[in-house]
Amino acid sequence: MREKRRLAAPAASARTTKASIEPLRTGYALIVDGHVKATFAAKASALEAGTQLKNRFPRLQVKIYDAENKLSETVEIARA
């Protein structure tokens, strides 16, 4: 009969990913399809980056999150 392989228990180790563990408290975040992609200190720079991304890839869901007020704003394509 075959022996069943035993899974080794994962070792307790420090988190080694590059993802931010702490939530954003100040500034603005560029959220693409529900994932934070970049953070900005000024709203204007966040909106500019979001608008450029939305114009390049119109099917993406792009939002700007204001961490201080805890509000998000959807970025739309400018209609001509």
PDB file of N, CA and C in Angstrom:
ATOM      1  N   MET A   1       0.815  -1.183   0.000  1.00  0.00           N
ATOM      2  CA  MET A   1       0.000   0.000   0.000  1.00  0.00           C
ATOM      3  C   MET A   1       0.857   1.243   0.000  1.00  0.00           C
ATOM      4  N   ARG A   2       0.323   2.259  -0.569  1.00  0.00           N
ATOM      5  CA  ARG A   2       1.046   3.527  -0.597  1.00  0.00           C
ATOM      6  C   ARG A   2       0.907   4.236   0.737  1.00  0.00           C
ATOM      7  N   GLU A   3       1.982   4.895   1.102  1.00  0.00           N
ATOM      8  CA  GLU A   3       1.930   5.724   2.306  1.00  0.00           C
ATOM      9  C   GLU A   3       1.402   7.095   1.938  1.00  0.00           C
ATOM     10  N   LYS A   4       0.598   7.656   2.802  1.00  0.00           N
ATOM     11  CA  LYS A   4       0.126   9.012   2.575  1.00  0.00           C
ATOM     12  C   LYS A   4       1.212   9.978   2.981  1.00  0.00           C
ATOM     13  N   ARG A   5       1.418  10.942   2.136  1.00  0.00           N
ATOM     14  CA  ARG A   5       2.417  11.956   2.468  1.00  0.00           C
ATOM     15  C   ARG A   5       1.847  12.881   3.521  1.00  0.00           C
ATOM     16  N   ARG A   6       2.663  13.204   4.467  1.00  0.00           N
ATOM     17  CA  ARG A   6       2.249  14.122   5.513  1.00  0.00           C
ATOM     18  C   ARG A   6       2.719  15.521   5.147  1.00  0.00           C
ATOM     19  N   LEU A   7       1.820  16.443   5.274  1.00  0.00           N
ATOM     20  CA  LEU A   7       2.165  17.824   4.982  1.00  0.00           C
ATOM     21  C   LEU A   7       2.890  18.416   6.174  1.00  0.00           C
ATOM     22  N   ALA A   8       3.998  19.031   5.891  1.00  0.00           N
ATOM     23  CA  ALA A   8       4.750  19.685   6.959  1.00  0.00           C
ATOM     24  C   ALA A   8       4.001  20.936   7.389  1.00  0.00           C
ATOM     25  N   ALA A   9       3.972  21.163   8.670  1.00  0.00           N
ATOM     26  CA  ALA A   9       3.310  22.361   9.193  1.00  0.00           C
ATOM     27  C   ALA A   9       4.133  23.577   8.792  1.00  0.00           C
ATOM     28  N   PRO A  10       3.485  24.627   8.306  1.00  0.00           N
ATOM     29  CA  PRO A  10       4.247  25.817   7.917  1.00  0.00           C
ATOM     30  C   PRO A  10       4.910  26.459   9.127  1.00  0.00           C
ATOM     31  N   ALA A  11       6.134  26.838   8.938  1.00  0.00           N
ATOM     32  CA  ALA A  11       6.883  27.463  10.027  1.00  0.00           C
ATOM     33  C   ALA A  11       6.370  28.874  10.256  1.00  0.00           C
ATOM     34  N   ALA A  12       6.296  29.253  11.499  1.00  0.00           N
ATOM     35  CA  ALA A  12       5.871  30.615  11.834  1.00  0.00           C
ATOM     36  C   ALA A  12       7.018  31.560  11.491  1.00  0.00           C
ATOM     37  N   SER A  13       6.768  32.425  10.540  1.00  0.00           N
ATOM     38  CA  SER A  13       7.819  33.344  10.123  1.00  0.00           C
ATOM     39  C   SER A  13       7.244  34.741   9.976  1.00  0.00           C
ATOM     40  N   ALA A  14       8.128  35.691   9.902  1.00  0.00           N
ATOM     41  CA  ALA A  14       7.710  37.080   9.727  1.00  0.00           C
ATOM     42  C   ALA A  14       7.148  37.257   8.321  1.00  0.00           C
ATOM     43  N   ARG A  15       6.255  38.181   8.172  1.00  0.00           N
ATOM     44  CA  ARG A  15       5.656  38.451   6.863  1.00  0.00           C
ATOM     45  C   ARG A  15       6.725  39.029   5.940  1.00  0.00           C
ATOM     46  N   THR A  16       6.892  38.407   4.780  1.00  0.00           N
ATOM     47  CA  THR A  16       7.959  38.819   3.880  1.00  0.00           C
ATOM     48  C   THR A  16       7.438  39.450   2.594  1.00  0.00           C
ATOM     49  N   THR A  17       6.146  39.723   2.522  1.00  0.00           N
ATOM     50  CA  THR A  17       5.622  40.341   1.309  1.00  0.00           C
ATOM     51  C   THR A  17       5.875  41.838   1.320  1.00  0.00           C
ATOM     52  N   LYS A  18       5.783  42.432   0.158  1.00  0.00           N
ATOM     53  CA  LYS A  18       6.011  43.866   0.034  1.00  0.00           C
ATOM     54  C   LYS A  18       4.723  44.665   0.236  1.00  0.00           C
ATOM     55  N   ALA A  19       3.603  43.978   0.365  1.00  0.00           N
ATOM     56  CA  ALA A  19       2.321  44.670   0.508  1.00  0.00           C
ATOM     57  C   ALA A  19       2.259  45.418   1.832  1.00  0.00           C
ATOM     58  N   SER A  20       1.591  46.531   1.795  1.00  0.00           N
ATOM     59  CA  SER A  20       1.434  47.335   2.994  1.00  0.00           C
ATOM     60  C   SER A  20       0.470  46.644   3.944  1.00  0.00           C
ATOM     61  N   ILE A  21       0.857  46.535   5.190  1.00  0.00           N
ATOM     62  CA  ILE A  21       0.016  45.893   6.185  1.00  0.00           C
ATOM     63  C   ILE A  21      -0.898  46.921   6.840  1.00  0.00           C
ATOM     64  N   GLU A  22      -0.401  48.102   7.067  1.00  0.00           N
ATOM     65  CA  GLU A  22      -1.184  49.129   7.733  1.00  0.00           C
ATOM     66  C   GLU A  22      -2.067  49.863   6.729  1.00  0.00           C
ATOM     67  N   PRO A  23      -3.294  50.182   7.124  1.00  0.00           N
ATOM     68  CA  PRO A  23      -4.182  50.910   6.214  1.00  0.00           C
ATOM     69  C   PRO A  23      -3.724  52.344   6.007  1.00  0.00           C
ATOM     70  N   LEU A  24      -4.122  52.897   4.898  1.00  0.00           N
ATOM     71  CA  LEU A  24      -3.775  54.273   4.559  1.00  0.00           C
ATOM     72  C   LEU A  24      -4.533  55.219   5.482  1.00  0.00           C
ATOM     73  N   ARG A  25      -3.820  56.154   6.118  1.00  0.00           N
ATOM     74  CA  ARG A  25      -4.452  57.088   7.052  1.00  0.00           C
ATOM     75  C   ARG A  25      -4.505  58.511   6.500  1.00  0.00           C
ATOM     76  N   THR A  26      -3.553  58.869   5.669  1.00  0.00           N
ATOM     77  CA  THR A  26      -3.531  60.200   5.070  1.00  0.00           C
ATOM     78  C   THR A  26      -3.239  60.066   3.584  1.00  0.00           C
ATOM     79  N   GLY A  27      -3.613  61.083   2.842  1.00  0.00           N
ATOM     80  CA  GLY A  27      -3.325  61.097   1.416  1.00  0.00           C
ATOM     81  C   GLY A  27      -4.429  60.445   0.604  1.00  0.00           C
ATOM     82  N   TYR A  28      -4.080  60.082  -0.614  1.00  0.00           N
ATOM     83  CA  TYR A  28      -5.040  59.555  -1.576  1.00  0.00           C
ATOM     84  C   TYR A  28      -4.482  58.277  -2.182  1.00  0.00           C
ATOM     85  N   ALA A  29      -5.368  57.328  -2.450  1.00  0.00           N
ATOM     86  CA  ALA A  29      -4.964  56.061  -3.045  1.00  0.00           C
ATOM     87  C   ALA A  29      -5.637  55.897  -4.400  1.00  0.00           C
ATOM     88  N   LEU A  30      -4.893  55.365  -5.354  1.00  0.00           N
ATOM     89  CA  LEU A  30      -5.430  55.023  -6.665  1.00  0.00           C
ATOM     90  C   LEU A  30      -5.856  53.560  -6.595  1.00  0.00           C
ATOM     91  N   ILE A  31      -7.149  53.312  -6.727  1.00  0.00           N
ATOM     92  CA  ILE A  31      -7.687  51.959  -6.617  1.00  0.00           C
ATOM     93  C   ILE A  31      -8.139  51.512  -8.000  1.00  0.00           C
ATOM     94  N   VAL A  32      -7.569  50.406  -8.468  1.00  0.00           N
ATOM     95  CA  VAL A  32      -7.897  49.864  -9.784  1.00  0.00           C
ATOM     96  C   VAL A  32      -8.482  48.473  -9.590  1.00  0.00           C
ATOM     97  N   ASP A  33      -9.721  48.301 -10.022  1.00  0.00           N
ATOM     98  CA  ASP A  33     -10.442  47.032  -9.881  1.00  0.00           C
ATOM     99  C   ASP A  33     -10.393  46.504  -8.449  1.00  0.00           C
ATOM    100  N   GLY A  34     -10.511  47.399  -7.482  1.00  0.00           N
ATOM    101  CA  GLY A  34     -10.574  47.011  -6.079  1.00  0.00           C
ATOM    102  C   GLY A  34      -9.242  46.834  -5.389  1.00  0.00           C
ATOM    103  N   HIS A  35      -8.144  47.108  -6.075  1.00  0.00           N
ATOM    104  CA  HIS A  35      -6.813  46.944  -5.494  1.00  0.00           C
ATOM    105  C   HIS A  35      -6.078  48.279  -5.472  1.00  0.00           C
ATOM    106  N   VAL A  36      -5.435  48.576  -4.354  1.00  0.00           N
ATOM    107  CA  VAL A  36      -4.656  49.808  -4.241  1.00  0.00           C
ATOM    108  C   VAL A  36      -3.391  49.647  -5.076  1.00  0.00           C
ATOM    109  N   LYS A  37      -3.208  50.548  -6.028  1.00  0.00           N
ATOM    110  CA  LYS A  37      -2.051  50.474  -6.917  1.00  0.00           C
ATOM    111  C   LYS A  37      -1.001  51.528  -6.617  1.00  0.00           C
ATOM    112  N   ALA A  38      -1.417  52.694  -6.098  1.00  0.00           N
ATOM    113  CA  ALA A  38      -0.460  53.763  -5.808  1.00  0.00           C
ATOM    114  C   ALA A  38      -1.072  54.688  -4.768  1.00  0.00           C
ATOM    115  N   THR A  39      -0.196  55.414  -4.073  1.00  0.00           N
ATOM    116  CA  THR A  39      -0.656  56.416  -3.113  1.00  0.00           C
ATOM    117  C   THR A  39      -0.064  57.767  -3.489  1.00  0.00           C
ATOM    118  N   PHE A  40      -0.808  58.818  -3.181  1.00  0.00           N
ATOM    119  CA  PHE A  40      -0.406  60.176  -3.524  1.00  0.00           C
ATOM    120  C   PHE A  40      -0.665  61.089  -2.346  1.00  0.00           C
ATOM    121  N   ALA A  41       0.123  62.148  -2.238  1.00  0.00           N
ATOM    122  CA  ALA A  41      -0.073  63.134  -1.178  1.00  0.00           C
ATOM    123  C   ALA A  41      -1.131  64.153  -1.573  1.00  0.00           C
ATOM    124  N   ALA A  42      -1.239  64.457  -2.860  1.00  0.00           N
ATOM    125  CA  ALA A  42      -2.181  65.475  -3.339  1.00  0.00           C
ATOM    126  C   ALA A  42      -3.280  64.832  -4.186  1.00  0.00           C
ATOM    127  N   LYS A  43      -4.478  65.381  -4.075  1.00  0.00           N
ATOM    128  CA  LYS A  43      -5.615  64.859  -4.827  1.00  0.00           C
ATOM    129  C   LYS A  43      -5.447  65.083  -6.324  1.00  0.00           C
ATOM    130  N   ALA A  44      -4.875  66.221  -6.699  1.00  0.00           N
ATOM    131  CA  ALA A  44      -4.705  66.539  -8.120  1.00  0.00           C
ATOM    132  C   ALA A  44      -3.833  65.508  -8.827  1.00  0.00           C
ATOM    133  N   SER A  45      -2.746  65.100  -8.190  1.00  0.00           N
ATOM    134  CA  SER A  45      -1.862  64.113  -8.821  1.00  0.00           C
ATOM    135  C   SER A  45      -2.529  62.738  -8.884  1.00  0.00           C
ATOM    136  N   ALA A  46      -3.335  62.402  -7.893  1.00  0.00           N
ATOM    137  CA  ALA A  46      -4.054  61.129  -7.913  1.00  0.00           C
ATOM    138  C   ALA A  46      -5.102  61.122  -9.023  1.00  0.00           C
ATOM    139  N   LEU A  47      -5.832  62.221  -9.162  1.00  0.00           N
ATOM    140  CA  LEU A  47      -6.830  62.322 -10.234  1.00  0.00           C
ATOM    141  C   LEU A  47      -6.193  62.293 -11.615  1.00  0.00           C
ATOM    142  N   GLU A  48      -5.047  62.939 -11.755  1.00  0.00           N
ATOM    143  CA  GLU A  48      -4.346  62.938 -13.046  1.00  0.00           C
ATOM    144  C   GLU A  48      -3.920  61.520 -13.425  1.00  0.00           C
ATOM    145  N   ALA A  49      -3.341  60.800 -12.476  1.00  0.00           N
ATOM    146  CA  ALA A  49      -2.917  59.424 -12.745  1.00  0.00           C
ATOM    147  C   ALA A  49      -4.119  58.534 -13.045  1.00  0.00           C
ATOM    148  N   GLY A  50      -5.195  58.714 -12.297  1.00  0.00           N
ATOM    149  CA  GLY A  50      -6.400  57.925 -12.528  1.00  0.00           C
ATOM    150  C   GLY A  50      -7.032  58.208 -13.874  1.00  0.00           C
ATOM    151  N   THR A  51      -7.063  59.469 -14.268  1.00  0.00           N
ATOM    152  CA  THR A  51      -7.633  59.857 -15.557  1.00  0.00           C
ATOM    153  C   THR A  51      -6.806  59.312 -16.713  1.00  0.00           C
ATOM    154  N   GLN A  52      -5.494  59.388 -16.603  1.00  0.00           N
ATOM    155  CA  GLN A  52      -4.621  58.844 -17.649  1.00  0.00           C
ATOM    156  C   GLN A  52      -4.829  57.339 -17.797  1.00  0.00           C
ATOM    157  N   LEU A  53      -4.943  56.652 -16.672  1.00  0.00           N
ATOM    158  CA  LEU A  53      -5.143  55.205 -16.704  1.00  0.00           C
ATOM    159  C   LEU A  53      -6.509  54.857 -17.304  1.00  0.00           C
ATOM    160  N   LYS A  54      -7.531  55.589 -16.912  1.00  0.00           N
ATOM    161  CA  LYS A  54      -8.886  55.335 -17.417  1.00  0.00           C
ATOM    162  C   LYS A  54      -8.981  55.631 -18.909  1.00  0.00           C
ATOM    163  N   ASN A  55      -8.307  56.686 -19.387  1.00  0.00           N
ATOM    164  CA  ASN A  55      -8.306  56.996 -20.820  1.00  0.00           C
ATOM    165  C   ASN A  55      -7.580  55.924 -21.617  1.00  0.00           C
ATOM    166  N   ARG A  56      -6.545  55.356 -21.037  1.00  0.00           N
ATOM    167  CA  ARG A  56      -5.771  54.324 -21.728  1.00  0.00           C
ATOM    168  C   ARG A  56      -6.489  52.972 -21.712  1.00  0.00           C
ATOM    169  N   PHE A  57      -7.135  52.660 -20.584  1.00  0.00           N
ATOM    170  CA  PHE A  57      -7.843  51.391 -20.421  1.00  0.00           C
ATOM    171  C   PHE A  57      -9.261  51.675 -19.916  1.00  0.00           C
ATOM    172  N   PRO A  58     -10.191  52.000 -20.804  1.00  0.00           N
ATOM    173  CA  PRO A  58     -11.523  52.443 -20.381  1.00  0.00           C
ATOM    174  C   PRO A  58     -12.351  51.396 -19.648  1.00  0.00           C
ATOM    175  N   ARG A  59     -12.031  50.130 -19.771  1.00  0.00           N
ATOM    176  CA  ARG A  59     -12.828  49.088 -19.119  1.00  0.00           C
ATOM    177  C   ARG A  59     -12.471  48.893 -17.650  1.00  0.00           C
ATOM    178  N   LEU A  60     -11.370  49.470 -17.202  1.00  0.00           N
ATOM    179  CA  LEU A  60     -10.980  49.337 -15.801  1.00  0.00           C
ATOM    180  C   LEU A  60     -11.902  50.153 -14.906  1.00  0.00           C
ATOM    181  N   GLN A  61     -12.075  49.674 -13.686  1.00  0.00           N
ATOM    182  CA  GLN A  61     -12.791  50.441 -12.672  1.00  0.00           C
ATOM    183  C   GLN A  61     -11.727  51.185 -11.874  1.00  0.00           C
ATOM    184  N   VAL A  62     -11.713  52.509 -11.976  1.00  0.00           N
ATOM    185  CA  VAL A  62     -10.683  53.331 -11.338  1.00  0.00           C
ATOM    186  C   VAL A  62     -11.352  54.266 -10.338  1.00  0.00           C
ATOM    187  N   LYS A  63     -10.831  54.266  -9.108  1.00  0.00           N
ATOM    188  CA  LYS A  63     -11.351  55.144  -8.060  1.00  0.00           C
ATOM    189  C   LYS A  63     -10.197  55.832  -7.353  1.00  0.00           C
ATOM    190  N   ILE A  64     -10.494  56.989  -6.772  1.00  0.00           N
ATOM    191  CA  ILE A  64      -9.551  57.709  -5.924  1.00  0.00           C
ATOM    192  C   ILE A  64     -10.128  57.670  -4.515  1.00  0.00           C
ATOM    193  N   TYR A  65      -9.344  57.164  -3.562  1.00  0.00           N
ATOM    194  CA  TYR A  65      -9.797  57.050  -2.173  1.00  0.00           C
ATOM    195  C   TYR A  65      -9.128  58.119  -1.325  1.00  0.00           C
ATOM    196  N   ASP A  66      -9.937  58.912  -0.631  1.00  0.00           N
ATOM    197  CA  ASP A  66      -9.459  59.941   0.289  1.00  0.00           C
ATOM    198  C   ASP A  66      -9.397  59.309   1.675  1.00  0.00           C
ATOM    199  N   ALA A  67      -8.189  59.098   2.196  1.00  0.00           N
ATOM    200  CA  ALA A  67      -8.017  58.384   3.457  1.00  0.00           C
ATOM    201  C   ALA A  67      -8.489  59.186   4.660  1.00  0.00           C
ATOM    202  N   GLU A  68      -8.312  60.489   4.640  1.00  0.00           N
ATOM    203  CA  GLU A  68      -8.702  61.303   5.791  1.00  0.00           C
ATOM    204  C   GLU A  68     -10.218  61.367   5.945  1.00  0.00           C
ATOM    205  N   ASN A  69     -10.935  61.549   4.845  1.00  0.00           N
ATOM    206  CA  ASN A  69     -12.397  61.644   4.890  1.00  0.00           C
ATOM    207  C   ASN A  69     -13.091  60.300   4.686  1.00  0.00           C
ATOM    208  N   LYS A  70     -12.310  59.274   4.318  1.00  0.00           N
ATOM    209  CA  LYS A  70     -12.815  57.925   4.068  1.00  0.00           C
ATOM    210  C   LYS A  70     -13.907  57.915   2.995  1.00  0.00           C
ATOM    211  N   LEU A  71     -13.618  58.600   1.903  1.00  0.00           N
ATOM    212  CA  LEU A  71     -14.533  58.672   0.768  1.00  0.00           C
ATOM    213  C   LEU A  71     -13.814  58.234  -0.498  1.00  0.00           C
ATOM    214  N   SER A  72     -14.546  57.652  -1.422  1.00  0.00           N
ATOM    215  CA  SER A  72     -13.950  57.302  -2.708  1.00  0.00           C
ATOM    216  C   SER A  72     -14.726  57.981  -3.825  1.00  0.00           C
ATOM    217  N   GLU A  73     -14.003  58.281  -4.892  1.00  0.00           N
ATOM    218  CA  GLU A  73     -14.569  58.989  -6.043  1.00  0.00           C
ATOM    219  C   GLU A  73     -14.219  58.200  -7.296  1.00  0.00           C
ATOM    220  N   THR A  74     -15.216  57.865  -8.086  1.00  0.00           N
ATOM    221  CA  THR A  74     -15.006  57.110  -9.313  1.00  0.00           C
ATOM    222  C   THR A  74     -14.469  58.031 -10.401  1.00  0.00           C
ATOM    223  N   VAL A  75     -13.460  57.555 -11.125  1.00  0.00           N
ATOM    224  CA  VAL A  75     -12.874  58.317 -12.234  1.00  0.00           C
ATOM    225  C   VAL A  75     -13.592  57.903 -13.509  1.00  0.00           C
ATOM    226  N   GLU A  76     -14.138  58.884 -14.202  1.00  0.00           N
ATOM    227  CA  GLU A  76     -14.863  58.645 -15.450  1.00  0.00           C
ATOM    228  C   GLU A  76     -14.075  59.213 -16.624  1.00  0.00           C
ATOM    229  N   ILE A  77     -14.357  58.691 -17.814  1.00  0.00           N
ATOM    230  CA  ILE A  77     -13.747  59.214 -19.030  1.00  0.00           C
ATOM    231  C   ILE A  77     -14.440  60.524 -19.378  1.00  0.00           C
ATOM    232  N   ALA A  78     -13.651  61.533 -19.725  1.00  0.00           N
ATOM    233  CA  ALA A  78     -14.215  62.824 -20.124  1.00  0.00           C
ATOM    234  C   ALA A  78     -14.887  62.675 -21.480  1.00  0.00           C
ATOM    235  N   ARG A  79     -16.138  63.027 -21.552  1.00  0.00           N
ATOM    236  CA  ARG A  79     -16.884  62.916 -22.812  1.00  0.00           C
ATOM    237  C   ARG A  79     -16.705  64.194 -23.622  1.00  0.00           C
ATOM    238  N   ALA A  80     -16.403  64.026 -24.907  1.00  0.00           N
ATOM    239  CA  ALA A  80     -16.145  65.194 -25.765  1.00  0.00           C
ATOM    240  C   ALA A  80     -17.392  65.759 -26.363  1.00  0.00           C
TER     241      ALA A  80
END
